[in-house]
């Protein structure tokens, strides 16, 4: 499948378990996982990105198996081999770097040679063209989120993972950013998985999921 597929996944961290029996998001689709804080949503994203190792299950990205473990672990590709665009909730922008340098740093981490044309393209895509030389402290929080999104897109990902991307911004800008994420996912044909505790974020979903107490329960 050219998209994201998760089956029979179990992640154990301490005494907490995250279980996802089935999650499928096709190219150009947006899947939204809704649930309260502490439900396990971020842990699931990290498992897909390769930042947390599950104990069993299957993860397939763009037709390629990146994790497989049933009786024993057979496949476990590192994050840089999964081609995942990941936007964490705390953004993780480097304050001492410019917008351009933040994006270029992420590209280098994926073995992609940064160039001004590519950086300009992704900034234009998120509506920030011309702000390449600014530092995060010179931007609004909403603009910082767009920079983090541009950074996630600059490495040519096969899937986009967004952790609470619309939190901590005002209602009007939140609606605008939802529309932008929806447009970008469909324009680029990216399978996109978004996690949120805000039920309004379900409005942009092609597929809706509910997570509570570590269990993904399928469509809402």
N, C-alpha and C. Protein backbone atom coordinates (compact mmCIF):
# COMPACT_ATOMS: atom_id res chain seq x y z
N UNK A 1 0.83 -1.20 0.00
CA UNK A 1 0.00 0.00 0.00
C UNK A 1 0.87 1.25 0.00
N UNK A 2 0.55 2.24 -0.84
CA UNK A 2 1.28 3.50 -0.87
C UNK A 2 0.65 4.48 0.12
N UNK A 3 0.96 4.28 1.37
CA UNK A 3 0.42 5.11 2.43
C UNK A 3 1.01 4.63 3.74
N UNK A 4 0.22 4.74 4.80
CA UNK A 4 0.65 4.28 6.12
C UNK A 4 -0.27 3.15 6.58
N UNK A 5 0.34 2.07 7.04
CA UNK A 5 -0.43 0.93 7.53
C UNK A 5 0.19 0.44 8.84
N UNK A 6 -0.63 0.34 9.86
CA UNK A 6 -0.22 -0.17 11.17
C UNK A 6 -1.16 -1.31 11.54
N UNK A 7 -0.59 -2.45 11.94
CA UNK A 7 -1.43 -3.60 12.32
C UNK A 7 -0.85 -4.29 13.56
N UNK A 8 -1.75 -4.66 14.45
CA UNK A 8 -1.41 -5.48 15.64
C UNK A 8 -0.25 -4.90 16.44
N UNK A 9 -0.19 -3.58 16.51
CA UNK A 9 0.96 -2.94 17.16
C UNK A 9 0.76 -2.85 18.67
N UNK A 10 1.81 -3.21 19.40
CA UNK A 10 1.82 -3.09 20.86
C UNK A 10 3.12 -2.39 21.26
N UNK A 11 2.98 -1.30 22.01
CA UNK A 11 4.14 -0.58 22.54
C UNK A 11 4.03 -0.58 24.06
N UNK A 12 5.10 -0.96 24.73
CA UNK A 12 5.09 -1.00 26.20
C UNK A 12 6.17 -0.08 26.74
N UNK A 13 5.73 0.89 27.55
CA UNK A 13 6.67 1.81 28.20
C UNK A 13 6.36 1.79 29.69
N UNK A 14 7.26 1.22 30.46
CA UNK A 14 6.99 1.04 31.88
C UNK A 14 5.79 0.12 32.04
N UNK A 15 4.80 0.57 32.78
CA UNK A 15 3.59 -0.23 32.94
C UNK A 15 2.48 0.17 32.01
N UNK A 16 2.77 1.08 31.04
CA UNK A 16 1.74 1.58 30.13
C UNK A 16 1.87 0.90 28.77
N UNK A 17 0.75 0.47 28.23
CA UNK A 17 0.75 -0.19 26.92
C UNK A 17 -0.12 0.59 25.93
N UNK A 18 0.40 0.71 24.72
CA UNK A 18 -0.36 1.29 23.61
C UNK A 18 -0.65 0.18 22.62
N UNK A 19 -1.91 0.04 22.25
CA UNK A 19 -2.33 -1.04 21.36
C UNK A 19 -3.08 -0.44 20.17
N UNK A 20 -2.61 -0.76 18.96
CA UNK A 20 -3.28 -0.31 17.74
C UNK A 20 -3.47 -1.52 16.83
N UNK A 21 -4.68 -2.04 16.79
CA UNK A 21 -4.96 -3.23 15.97
C UNK A 21 -4.86 -2.94 14.48
N UNK A 22 -5.45 -1.82 14.06
CA UNK A 22 -5.45 -1.50 12.64
C UNK A 22 -5.59 0.00 12.43
N UNK A 23 -4.67 0.56 11.64
CA UNK A 23 -4.72 1.97 11.25
C UNK A 23 -4.19 2.06 9.83
N UNK A 24 -5.00 2.56 8.94
CA UNK A 24 -4.60 2.69 7.53
C UNK A 24 -4.94 4.09 7.05
N UNK A 25 -3.94 4.80 6.51
CA UNK A 25 -4.13 6.13 5.93
C UNK A 25 -3.49 6.13 4.55
N UNK A 26 -4.27 6.34 3.52
CA UNK A 26 -3.78 6.30 2.15
C UNK A 26 -3.12 7.62 1.76
N UNK A 27 -2.47 7.65 0.61
CA UNK A 27 -1.83 8.87 0.10
C UNK A 27 -2.87 9.97 -0.07
N UNK A 28 -2.52 11.16 0.39
CA UNK A 28 -3.42 12.30 0.27
C UNK A 28 -4.53 12.33 1.30
N UNK A 29 -4.59 11.32 2.15
CA UNK A 29 -5.61 11.28 3.21
C UNK A 29 -5.05 11.83 4.52
N UNK A 30 -5.97 12.34 5.34
CA UNK A 30 -5.61 12.79 6.68
C UNK A 30 -6.35 11.92 7.70
N UNK A 31 -5.59 11.28 8.55
CA UNK A 31 -6.18 10.54 9.67
C UNK A 31 -5.99 11.34 10.94
N UNK A 32 -7.04 11.47 11.73
CA UNK A 32 -6.95 12.20 13.00
C UNK A 32 -7.27 11.26 14.15
N UNK A 33 -6.35 11.17 15.10
CA UNK A 33 -6.57 10.39 16.31
C UNK A 33 -6.94 11.36 17.43
N UNK A 34 -8.15 11.23 17.92
CA UNK A 34 -8.63 12.11 18.99
C UNK A 34 -8.61 11.36 20.31
N UNK A 35 -8.20 12.05 21.36
CA UNK A 35 -8.19 11.43 22.67
C UNK A 35 -7.64 12.37 23.72
N UNK A 36 -7.86 12.09 24.99
CA UNK A 36 -7.39 12.96 26.06
C UNK A 36 -5.88 12.91 26.22
N UNK A 37 -5.34 13.87 26.95
CA UNK A 37 -3.92 13.86 27.26
C UNK A 37 -3.58 12.59 28.03
N UNK A 38 -2.44 11.99 27.70
CA UNK A 38 -2.01 10.78 28.39
C UNK A 38 -2.63 9.50 27.84
N UNK A 39 -3.32 9.61 26.70
CA UNK A 39 -3.99 8.43 26.14
C UNK A 39 -3.05 7.51 25.39
N UNK A 40 -1.86 8.03 25.01
CA UNK A 40 -0.91 7.22 24.25
C UNK A 40 -0.74 7.66 22.82
N UNK A 41 -1.33 8.80 22.46
CA UNK A 41 -1.29 9.26 21.07
C UNK A 41 0.14 9.56 20.61
N UNK A 42 0.87 10.31 21.42
CA UNK A 42 2.25 10.67 21.06
C UNK A 42 3.14 9.43 21.00
N UNK A 43 2.93 8.50 21.91
CA UNK A 43 3.71 7.25 21.90
C UNK A 43 3.51 6.50 20.59
N UNK A 44 2.28 6.48 20.09
CA UNK A 44 2.01 5.81 18.81
C UNK A 44 2.74 6.50 17.67
N UNK A 45 2.71 7.84 17.65
CA UNK A 45 3.45 8.56 16.60
C UNK A 45 4.94 8.25 16.67
N UNK A 46 5.49 8.24 17.87
CA UNK A 46 6.93 7.97 18.02
C UNK A 46 7.28 6.55 17.58
N UNK A 47 6.38 5.61 17.80
CA UNK A 47 6.62 4.24 17.34
C UNK A 47 6.65 4.17 15.82
N UNK A 48 5.73 4.89 15.18
CA UNK A 48 5.71 4.93 13.71
C UNK A 48 6.98 5.58 13.17
N UNK A 49 7.43 6.64 13.85
CA UNK A 49 8.62 7.37 13.41
C UNK A 49 9.92 6.63 13.70
N UNK A 50 9.86 5.59 14.53
CA UNK A 50 11.06 4.84 14.87
C UNK A 50 11.78 5.36 16.10
N UNK A 51 11.13 6.25 16.86
CA UNK A 51 11.74 6.82 18.06
C UNK A 51 11.48 5.96 19.29
N UNK A 52 10.48 5.10 19.20
CA UNK A 52 10.15 4.15 20.27
C UNK A 52 9.97 2.78 19.62
N UNK A 53 10.54 1.74 20.22
CA UNK A 53 10.44 0.40 19.63
C UNK A 53 9.25 -0.36 20.20
N UNK A 54 8.32 -0.79 19.36
CA UNK A 54 7.20 -1.63 19.83
C UNK A 54 7.70 -3.02 20.21
N UNK A 55 6.84 -3.76 20.90
CA UNK A 55 7.20 -5.14 21.24
C UNK A 55 6.65 -6.12 20.21
N UNK A 56 5.64 -5.69 19.45
CA UNK A 56 5.13 -6.55 18.38
C UNK A 56 4.31 -5.72 17.40
N UNK A 57 4.03 -6.32 16.23
CA UNK A 57 3.19 -5.67 15.25
C UNK A 57 3.89 -5.37 13.94
N UNK A 58 3.21 -4.59 13.11
CA UNK A 58 3.67 -4.30 11.75
C UNK A 58 3.43 -2.83 11.43
N UNK A 59 4.46 -2.18 10.85
CA UNK A 59 4.34 -0.81 10.35
C UNK A 59 4.86 -0.79 8.93
N UNK A 60 4.01 -0.34 8.01
CA UNK A 60 4.38 -0.26 6.59
C UNK A 60 4.20 1.19 6.14
N UNK A 61 5.24 1.75 5.50
CA UNK A 61 5.20 3.11 4.98
C UNK A 61 5.50 3.08 3.49
N UNK A 62 4.55 3.55 2.71
CA UNK A 62 4.71 3.62 1.25
C UNK A 62 5.08 2.26 0.66
N UNK A 63 4.46 1.22 1.18
CA UNK A 63 4.68 -0.13 0.66
C UNK A 63 5.90 -0.84 1.22
N UNK A 64 6.67 -0.16 2.06
CA UNK A 64 7.89 -0.74 2.62
C UNK A 64 7.70 -1.05 4.10
N UNK A 65 8.01 -2.26 4.50
CA UNK A 65 7.92 -2.64 5.91
C UNK A 65 9.08 -2.01 6.68
N UNK A 66 8.75 -1.14 7.64
CA UNK A 66 9.80 -0.49 8.44
C UNK A 66 9.89 -1.08 9.84
N UNK A 67 8.84 -1.79 10.25
CA UNK A 67 8.90 -2.52 11.52
C UNK A 67 8.03 -3.76 11.42
N UNK A 68 8.58 -4.88 11.90
CA UNK A 68 7.82 -6.13 11.92
C UNK A 68 8.34 -6.98 13.08
N UNK A 69 7.44 -7.33 13.98
CA UNK A 69 7.81 -8.20 15.10
C UNK A 69 6.59 -8.96 15.57
N UNK A 70 6.72 -10.27 15.55
CA UNK A 70 5.65 -11.12 16.10
C UNK A 70 6.30 -12.04 17.13
N UNK A 71 6.84 -13.16 16.72
CA UNK A 71 7.58 -14.01 17.66
C UNK A 71 8.89 -13.32 18.05
N UNK A 72 9.55 -12.71 17.07
CA UNK A 72 10.77 -11.95 17.32
C UNK A 72 10.82 -10.78 16.35
N UNK A 73 11.69 -9.82 16.64
CA UNK A 73 11.83 -8.66 15.76
C UNK A 73 12.56 -9.07 14.48
N UNK A 74 11.88 -8.86 13.36
CA UNK A 74 12.47 -9.21 12.07
C UNK A 74 12.95 -7.97 11.32
N UNK A 75 12.21 -6.86 11.47
CA UNK A 75 12.57 -5.61 10.79
C UNK A 75 12.39 -4.47 11.78
N UNK A 76 13.39 -3.59 11.88
CA UNK A 76 13.26 -2.39 12.71
C UNK A 76 14.17 -1.31 12.14
N UNK A 77 13.68 -0.60 11.13
CA UNK A 77 14.50 0.41 10.46
C UNK A 77 14.62 1.65 11.35
N UNK A 78 15.80 2.28 11.36
CA UNK A 78 16.00 3.48 12.17
C UNK A 78 15.19 4.65 11.61
N UNK A 79 14.99 5.70 12.41
CA UNK A 79 14.17 6.83 11.97
C UNK A 79 14.58 7.42 10.62
N UNK A 80 15.89 7.55 10.40
CA UNK A 80 16.35 8.19 9.15
C UNK A 80 16.08 7.34 7.92
N UNK A 81 15.76 6.06 8.12
CA UNK A 81 15.45 5.17 6.99
C UNK A 81 13.95 5.02 6.76
N UNK A 82 13.16 5.72 7.56
CA UNK A 82 11.70 5.60 7.42
C UNK A 82 11.09 6.73 6.61
N UNK A 83 11.83 7.80 6.40
CA UNK A 83 11.37 8.94 5.61
C UNK A 83 10.03 9.48 6.13
N UNK A 84 10.07 9.76 7.44
CA UNK A 84 8.89 10.31 8.12
C UNK A 84 9.12 11.80 8.39
N UNK A 85 8.14 12.63 8.05
CA UNK A 85 8.15 14.02 8.46
C UNK A 85 7.41 14.12 9.78
N UNK A 86 8.12 14.51 10.84
CA UNK A 86 7.54 14.49 12.19
C UNK A 86 7.56 15.89 12.78
N UNK A 87 6.38 16.39 13.15
CA UNK A 87 6.27 17.68 13.80
C UNK A 87 5.89 17.45 15.26
N UNK A 88 6.87 17.56 16.18
CA UNK A 88 6.57 17.32 17.60
C UNK A 88 5.79 18.48 18.21
N UNK A 89 5.14 18.22 19.32
CA UNK A 89 4.31 19.24 19.94
C UNK A 89 5.13 20.44 20.39
N UNK A 90 6.35 20.22 20.86
CA UNK A 90 7.18 21.33 21.34
C UNK A 90 8.04 21.95 20.24
N UNK A 91 7.82 21.58 18.99
CA UNK A 91 8.44 22.14 17.77
C UNK A 91 9.93 21.85 17.64
N UNK A 92 10.72 22.02 18.72
CA UNK A 92 12.16 21.72 18.70
C UNK A 92 12.93 22.53 17.66
N UNK A 93 12.58 23.80 17.49
CA UNK A 93 13.36 24.68 16.63
C UNK A 93 14.62 25.13 17.39
N UNK A 94 15.72 25.27 16.67
CA UNK A 94 16.96 25.75 17.29
C UNK A 94 16.92 27.27 17.37
N UNK A 95 16.94 27.85 18.59
CA UNK A 95 16.77 29.31 18.72
C UNK A 95 17.93 30.12 18.14
N UNK A 96 19.13 29.52 18.09
CA UNK A 96 20.30 30.26 17.60
C UNK A 96 20.43 30.19 16.08
N UNK A 97 19.56 29.43 15.42
CA UNK A 97 19.61 29.28 13.96
C UNK A 97 18.50 30.10 13.30
N UNK A 98 18.76 30.53 12.08
CA UNK A 98 17.72 31.19 11.30
C UNK A 98 16.71 30.15 10.80
N UNK A 99 15.63 30.64 10.21
CA UNK A 99 14.64 29.74 9.61
C UNK A 99 15.31 28.85 8.58
N UNK A 100 16.12 29.45 7.71
CA UNK A 100 16.82 28.68 6.67
C UNK A 100 17.70 27.60 7.31
N UNK A 101 18.46 27.98 8.33
CA UNK A 101 19.39 27.04 8.95
C UNK A 101 18.66 25.90 9.66
N UNK A 102 17.52 26.19 10.27
CA UNK A 102 16.72 25.14 10.91
C UNK A 102 16.27 24.10 9.89
N UNK A 103 15.81 24.58 8.74
CA UNK A 103 15.33 23.66 7.70
C UNK A 103 16.50 22.91 7.07
N UNK A 104 17.60 23.63 6.80
CA UNK A 104 18.78 23.00 6.19
C UNK A 104 19.36 21.92 7.10
N UNK A 105 19.34 22.16 8.41
CA UNK A 105 19.86 21.18 9.37
C UNK A 105 19.08 19.87 9.28
N UNK A 106 17.76 19.97 9.18
CA UNK A 106 16.93 18.77 9.06
C UNK A 106 17.21 18.03 7.76
N UNK A 107 17.44 18.77 6.68
CA UNK A 107 17.74 18.15 5.39
C UNK A 107 19.07 17.40 5.44
N UNK A 108 20.07 18.01 6.07
CA UNK A 108 21.38 17.36 6.19
C UNK A 108 21.26 16.06 6.97
N UNK A 109 20.40 16.07 7.99
CA UNK A 109 20.20 14.87 8.79
C UNK A 109 19.65 13.70 8.00
N UNK A 110 19.00 14.00 6.88
CA UNK A 110 18.46 12.96 5.99
C UNK A 110 19.37 12.70 4.79
N UNK A 111 20.54 13.31 4.80
CA UNK A 111 21.46 13.10 3.70
C UNK A 111 21.10 13.88 2.44
N UNK A 112 20.29 14.93 2.61
CA UNK A 112 19.88 15.76 1.48
C UNK A 112 20.68 17.06 1.50
N UNK A 113 21.30 17.40 0.40
CA UNK A 113 22.08 18.63 0.34
C UNK A 113 21.13 19.83 0.30
N UNK A 114 21.21 20.71 1.30
CA UNK A 114 20.31 21.87 1.31
C UNK A 114 20.61 22.83 0.17
N UNK A 115 19.58 23.41 -0.39
CA UNK A 115 19.78 24.48 -1.37
C UNK A 115 18.66 25.50 -1.18
N UNK A 116 18.96 26.74 -1.53
CA UNK A 116 18.02 27.84 -1.28
C UNK A 116 16.72 27.65 -2.03
N UNK A 117 16.76 27.01 -3.20
CA UNK A 117 15.53 26.80 -3.98
C UNK A 117 14.56 25.90 -3.24
N UNK A 118 15.06 24.78 -2.70
CA UNK A 118 14.20 23.84 -1.99
C UNK A 118 13.63 24.47 -0.73
N UNK A 119 14.48 25.17 0.02
CA UNK A 119 14.01 25.83 1.25
C UNK A 119 12.96 26.87 0.91
N UNK A 120 13.20 27.63 -0.15
CA UNK A 120 12.23 28.65 -0.57
C UNK A 120 10.91 28.01 -0.97
N UNK A 121 10.98 26.85 -1.63
CA UNK A 121 9.76 26.14 -2.06
C UNK A 121 8.90 25.73 -0.87
N UNK A 122 9.52 25.13 0.14
CA UNK A 122 8.72 24.66 1.28
C UNK A 122 8.21 25.82 2.11
N UNK A 123 8.99 26.91 2.19
CA UNK A 123 8.50 28.09 2.92
C UNK A 123 7.33 28.73 2.19
N UNK A 124 7.40 28.73 0.87
CA UNK A 124 6.28 29.23 0.07
C UNK A 124 5.05 28.36 0.28
N UNK A 125 5.26 27.06 0.39
CA UNK A 125 4.16 26.11 0.58
C UNK A 125 3.42 26.38 1.89
N UNK A 126 4.15 26.79 2.93
CA UNK A 126 3.51 27.04 4.23
C UNK A 126 3.25 28.53 4.47
N UNK A 127 3.47 29.35 3.44
CA UNK A 127 3.13 30.77 3.54
C UNK A 127 4.14 31.62 4.29
N UNK A 128 5.43 31.24 4.25
CA UNK A 128 6.45 31.99 4.98
C UNK A 128 7.62 32.42 4.09
N UNK A 129 7.43 32.43 2.79
CA UNK A 129 8.52 32.82 1.89
C UNK A 129 8.98 34.24 2.21
N UNK A 130 10.30 34.41 2.24
CA UNK A 130 10.87 35.71 2.55
C UNK A 130 11.32 35.86 3.99
N UNK A 131 11.06 34.84 4.82
CA UNK A 131 11.44 34.91 6.23
C UNK A 131 12.64 34.02 6.54
N UNK A 132 13.39 33.67 5.52
CA UNK A 132 14.51 32.73 5.68
C UNK A 132 15.55 33.17 6.71
N UNK A 133 15.78 34.49 6.83
CA UNK A 133 16.86 34.98 7.68
C UNK A 133 16.44 35.32 9.10
N UNK A 134 15.19 35.09 9.43
CA UNK A 134 14.72 35.39 10.79
C UNK A 134 15.00 34.23 11.74
N UNK A 135 15.14 34.58 13.00
CA UNK A 135 15.30 33.56 14.04
C UNK A 135 13.93 33.28 14.68
N UNK A 136 13.77 32.12 15.30
CA UNK A 136 12.47 31.78 15.90
C UNK A 136 11.93 32.85 16.84
N UNK A 137 12.81 33.52 17.59
CA UNK A 137 12.36 34.54 18.54
C UNK A 137 11.74 35.75 17.85
N UNK A 138 12.00 35.91 16.56
CA UNK A 138 11.46 37.04 15.80
C UNK A 138 10.14 36.69 15.12
N UNK A 139 9.63 35.48 15.37
CA UNK A 139 8.40 35.01 14.75
C UNK A 139 7.32 34.80 15.80
N UNK A 140 6.06 34.89 15.37
CA UNK A 140 4.96 34.53 16.25
C UNK A 140 4.96 33.02 16.45
N UNK A 141 4.20 32.54 17.45
CA UNK A 141 4.16 31.10 17.68
C UNK A 141 3.56 30.38 16.47
N UNK A 142 2.55 31.00 15.87
CA UNK A 142 1.95 30.40 14.68
C UNK A 142 2.94 30.28 13.54
N UNK A 143 3.79 31.30 13.37
CA UNK A 143 4.83 31.24 12.33
C UNK A 143 5.87 30.18 12.67
N UNK A 144 6.20 30.05 13.95
CA UNK A 144 7.14 29.00 14.35
C UNK A 144 6.59 27.61 14.01
N UNK A 145 5.29 27.42 14.19
CA UNK A 145 4.69 26.14 13.84
C UNK A 145 4.80 25.87 12.34
N UNK A 146 4.65 26.92 11.55
CA UNK A 146 4.78 26.77 10.10
C UNK A 146 6.22 26.43 9.71
N UNK A 147 7.18 27.01 10.42
CA UNK A 147 8.59 26.68 10.17
C UNK A 147 8.83 25.20 10.48
N UNK A 148 8.29 24.74 11.61
CA UNK A 148 8.45 23.33 11.98
C UNK A 148 7.80 22.42 10.94
N UNK A 149 6.66 22.86 10.39
CA UNK A 149 6.00 22.09 9.34
C UNK A 149 6.84 22.08 8.07
N UNK A 150 7.41 23.24 7.71
CA UNK A 150 8.28 23.32 6.53
C UNK A 150 9.49 22.42 6.70
N UNK A 151 10.05 22.39 7.90
CA UNK A 151 11.21 21.52 8.19
C UNK A 151 10.84 20.05 8.00
N UNK A 152 9.64 19.68 8.44
CA UNK A 152 9.19 18.29 8.29
C UNK A 152 8.99 17.93 6.83
N UNK A 153 8.60 18.91 6.01
CA UNK A 153 8.33 18.65 4.59
C UNK A 153 9.58 18.70 3.73
N UNK A 154 10.63 19.38 4.20
CA UNK A 154 11.81 19.62 3.38
C UNK A 154 12.60 18.36 3.06
N UNK A 155 12.43 17.32 3.87
CA UNK A 155 13.21 16.09 3.67
C UNK A 155 12.49 15.07 2.80
N UNK A 156 11.50 15.54 2.03
CA UNK A 156 10.75 14.67 1.11
C UNK A 156 10.16 13.44 1.80
N UNK A 157 9.35 13.64 2.84
CA UNK A 157 8.83 12.50 3.60
C UNK A 157 7.83 11.67 2.81
N UNK A 158 7.68 10.41 3.23
CA UNK A 158 6.67 9.53 2.65
C UNK A 158 5.40 9.52 3.48
N UNK A 159 5.51 10.02 4.70
CA UNK A 159 4.34 10.14 5.58
C UNK A 159 4.59 11.33 6.51
N UNK A 160 3.52 12.01 6.89
CA UNK A 160 3.62 13.19 7.76
C UNK A 160 2.90 12.91 9.07
N UNK A 161 3.63 13.08 10.19
CA UNK A 161 3.08 12.85 11.53
C UNK A 161 3.06 14.17 12.29
N UNK A 162 1.90 14.55 12.79
CA UNK A 162 1.73 15.84 13.46
C UNK A 162 1.20 15.64 14.87
N UNK A 163 1.96 16.11 15.86
CA UNK A 163 1.58 15.95 17.26
C UNK A 163 0.99 17.26 17.79
N UNK A 164 -0.33 17.30 17.96
CA UNK A 164 -1.04 18.49 18.46
C UNK A 164 -0.58 19.76 17.72
N UNK A 165 -0.67 19.79 16.38
CA UNK A 165 -0.11 20.91 15.62
C UNK A 165 -0.85 22.23 15.78
N UNK A 166 -2.07 22.20 16.29
CA UNK A 166 -2.86 23.43 16.37
C UNK A 166 -3.05 23.92 17.80
N UNK A 167 -2.28 23.39 18.73
CA UNK A 167 -2.41 23.81 20.13
C UNK A 167 -1.68 25.14 20.34
N UNK A 168 -2.06 25.85 21.38
CA UNK A 168 -1.39 27.09 21.82
C UNK A 168 -1.46 28.23 20.82
N UNK A 169 -2.46 28.21 19.92
CA UNK A 169 -2.65 29.34 19.01
C UNK A 169 -4.11 29.76 19.06
N UNK A 170 -4.39 31.01 18.66
CA UNK A 170 -5.75 31.53 18.78
C UNK A 170 -6.68 30.83 17.79
N UNK A 171 -7.98 30.93 18.07
CA UNK A 171 -8.99 30.17 17.34
C UNK A 171 -8.96 30.47 15.85
N UNK A 172 -8.87 31.74 15.46
CA UNK A 172 -8.92 32.10 14.04
C UNK A 172 -7.72 31.55 13.29
N UNK A 173 -6.53 31.68 13.87
CA UNK A 173 -5.34 31.17 13.20
C UNK A 173 -5.35 29.65 13.17
N UNK A 174 -5.95 29.05 14.20
CA UNK A 174 -6.06 27.60 14.25
C UNK A 174 -6.85 27.08 13.05
N UNK A 175 -7.96 27.76 12.73
CA UNK A 175 -8.77 27.36 11.58
C UNK A 175 -7.99 27.50 10.28
N UNK A 176 -7.23 28.60 10.19
CA UNK A 176 -6.43 28.83 8.98
C UNK A 176 -5.36 27.76 8.81
N UNK A 177 -4.70 27.41 9.91
CA UNK A 177 -3.63 26.40 9.84
C UNK A 177 -4.20 25.02 9.53
N UNK A 178 -5.40 24.72 10.04
CA UNK A 178 -6.06 23.46 9.67
C UNK A 178 -6.25 23.37 8.17
N UNK A 179 -6.75 24.46 7.59
CA UNK A 179 -6.97 24.48 6.13
C UNK A 179 -5.66 24.29 5.38
N UNK A 180 -4.58 24.93 5.89
CA UNK A 180 -3.28 24.83 5.24
C UNK A 180 -2.74 23.41 5.27
N UNK A 181 -2.84 22.77 6.42
CA UNK A 181 -2.36 21.38 6.55
C UNK A 181 -3.14 20.47 5.61
N UNK A 182 -4.45 20.67 5.56
CA UNK A 182 -5.29 19.86 4.67
C UNK A 182 -4.89 20.07 3.21
N UNK A 183 -4.66 21.33 2.83
CA UNK A 183 -4.28 21.64 1.44
C UNK A 183 -2.93 21.01 1.10
N UNK A 184 -1.97 21.14 2.01
CA UNK A 184 -0.63 20.61 1.75
C UNK A 184 -0.64 19.09 1.63
N UNK A 185 -1.34 18.43 2.53
CA UNK A 185 -1.40 16.96 2.50
C UNK A 185 -1.98 16.47 1.18
N UNK A 186 -3.02 17.15 0.71
CA UNK A 186 -3.67 16.71 -0.53
C UNK A 186 -2.86 17.11 -1.76
N UNK A 187 -2.25 18.30 -1.71
CA UNK A 187 -1.43 18.75 -2.84
C UNK A 187 -0.23 17.83 -3.06
N UNK A 188 0.42 17.44 -1.97
CA UNK A 188 1.62 16.60 -2.06
C UNK A 188 1.30 15.11 -2.10
N UNK A 189 0.03 14.76 -1.86
CA UNK A 189 -0.35 13.35 -1.83
C UNK A 189 0.25 12.60 -0.66
N UNK A 190 0.43 13.30 0.46
CA UNK A 190 1.06 12.70 1.64
C UNK A 190 0.03 12.04 2.55
N UNK A 191 0.25 10.80 2.95
CA UNK A 191 -0.55 10.25 4.04
C UNK A 191 -0.18 11.00 5.32
N UNK A 192 -1.17 11.56 5.98
CA UNK A 192 -0.91 12.42 7.14
C UNK A 192 -1.67 11.91 8.35
N UNK A 193 -0.97 11.75 9.47
CA UNK A 193 -1.60 11.30 10.71
C UNK A 193 -1.40 12.38 11.76
N UNK A 194 -2.50 12.85 12.30
CA UNK A 194 -2.50 13.96 13.24
C UNK A 194 -3.14 13.49 14.54
N UNK A 195 -2.53 13.83 15.67
CA UNK A 195 -3.14 13.48 16.95
C UNK A 195 -3.53 14.76 17.68
N UNK A 196 -4.67 14.70 18.39
CA UNK A 196 -5.19 15.90 19.02
C UNK A 196 -6.18 15.55 20.13
N UNK A 197 -6.28 16.45 21.12
CA UNK A 197 -7.32 16.31 22.14
C UNK A 197 -8.52 17.22 21.83
N UNK A 198 -8.42 18.01 20.73
CA UNK A 198 -9.46 18.95 20.35
C UNK A 198 -10.38 18.31 19.31
N UNK A 199 -11.67 18.10 19.63
CA UNK A 199 -12.57 17.46 18.67
C UNK A 199 -12.76 18.24 17.38
N UNK A 200 -12.48 19.55 17.39
CA UNK A 200 -12.63 20.34 16.16
C UNK A 200 -11.63 19.93 15.09
N UNK A 201 -10.52 19.34 15.51
CA UNK A 201 -9.52 18.91 14.53
C UNK A 201 -10.01 17.74 13.68
N UNK A 202 -11.07 17.09 14.13
CA UNK A 202 -11.67 16.00 13.35
C UNK A 202 -12.32 16.51 12.07
N UNK A 203 -12.54 17.82 11.97
CA UNK A 203 -13.23 18.37 10.80
C UNK A 203 -12.41 18.23 9.52
N UNK A 204 -11.09 18.07 9.62
CA UNK A 204 -10.27 17.92 8.41
C UNK A 204 -9.93 16.46 8.12
N UNK A 205 -10.49 15.55 8.92
CA UNK A 205 -10.12 14.13 8.80
C UNK A 205 -10.87 13.42 7.69
N UNK A 206 -10.14 12.61 6.94
CA UNK A 206 -10.75 11.63 6.05
C UNK A 206 -11.08 10.37 6.84
N UNK A 207 -10.22 10.09 7.83
CA UNK A 207 -10.43 8.94 8.71
C UNK A 207 -10.28 9.39 10.15
N UNK A 208 -11.23 9.01 10.99
CA UNK A 208 -11.24 9.43 12.38
C UNK A 208 -11.03 8.23 13.29
N UNK A 209 -10.17 8.44 14.29
CA UNK A 209 -9.87 7.39 15.26
C UNK A 209 -9.99 7.95 16.68
N UNK A 210 -10.24 7.07 17.61
CA UNK A 210 -10.33 7.43 19.02
C UNK A 210 -9.29 6.64 19.80
N UNK A 211 -8.56 7.32 20.66
CA UNK A 211 -7.62 6.61 21.53
C UNK A 211 -7.90 6.98 22.98
N UNK A 212 -8.00 5.97 23.82
CA UNK A 212 -8.22 6.19 25.25
C UNK A 212 -7.55 5.07 26.03
N UNK A 213 -6.83 5.46 27.07
CA UNK A 213 -6.13 4.50 27.93
C UNK A 213 -5.24 3.55 27.14
N UNK A 214 -4.61 4.11 26.09
CA UNK A 214 -3.64 3.35 25.32
C UNK A 214 -4.19 2.50 24.20
N UNK A 215 -5.51 2.49 24.03
CA UNK A 215 -6.12 1.62 23.02
C UNK A 215 -6.71 2.45 21.89
N UNK A 216 -6.27 2.15 20.66
CA UNK A 216 -6.84 2.77 19.46
C UNK A 216 -8.08 1.97 19.07
N UNK A 217 -9.23 2.63 19.05
CA UNK A 217 -10.48 1.90 18.91
C UNK A 217 -11.10 1.99 17.53
N UNK A 218 -10.37 2.46 16.54
CA UNK A 218 -10.95 2.52 15.20
C UNK A 218 -11.59 3.86 14.96
N UNK A 219 -12.46 3.95 13.99
CA UNK A 219 -13.07 5.23 13.65
C UNK A 219 -14.01 5.70 14.74
N UNK A 220 -14.05 7.03 14.92
CA UNK A 220 -14.95 7.63 15.89
C UNK A 220 -16.38 7.43 15.44
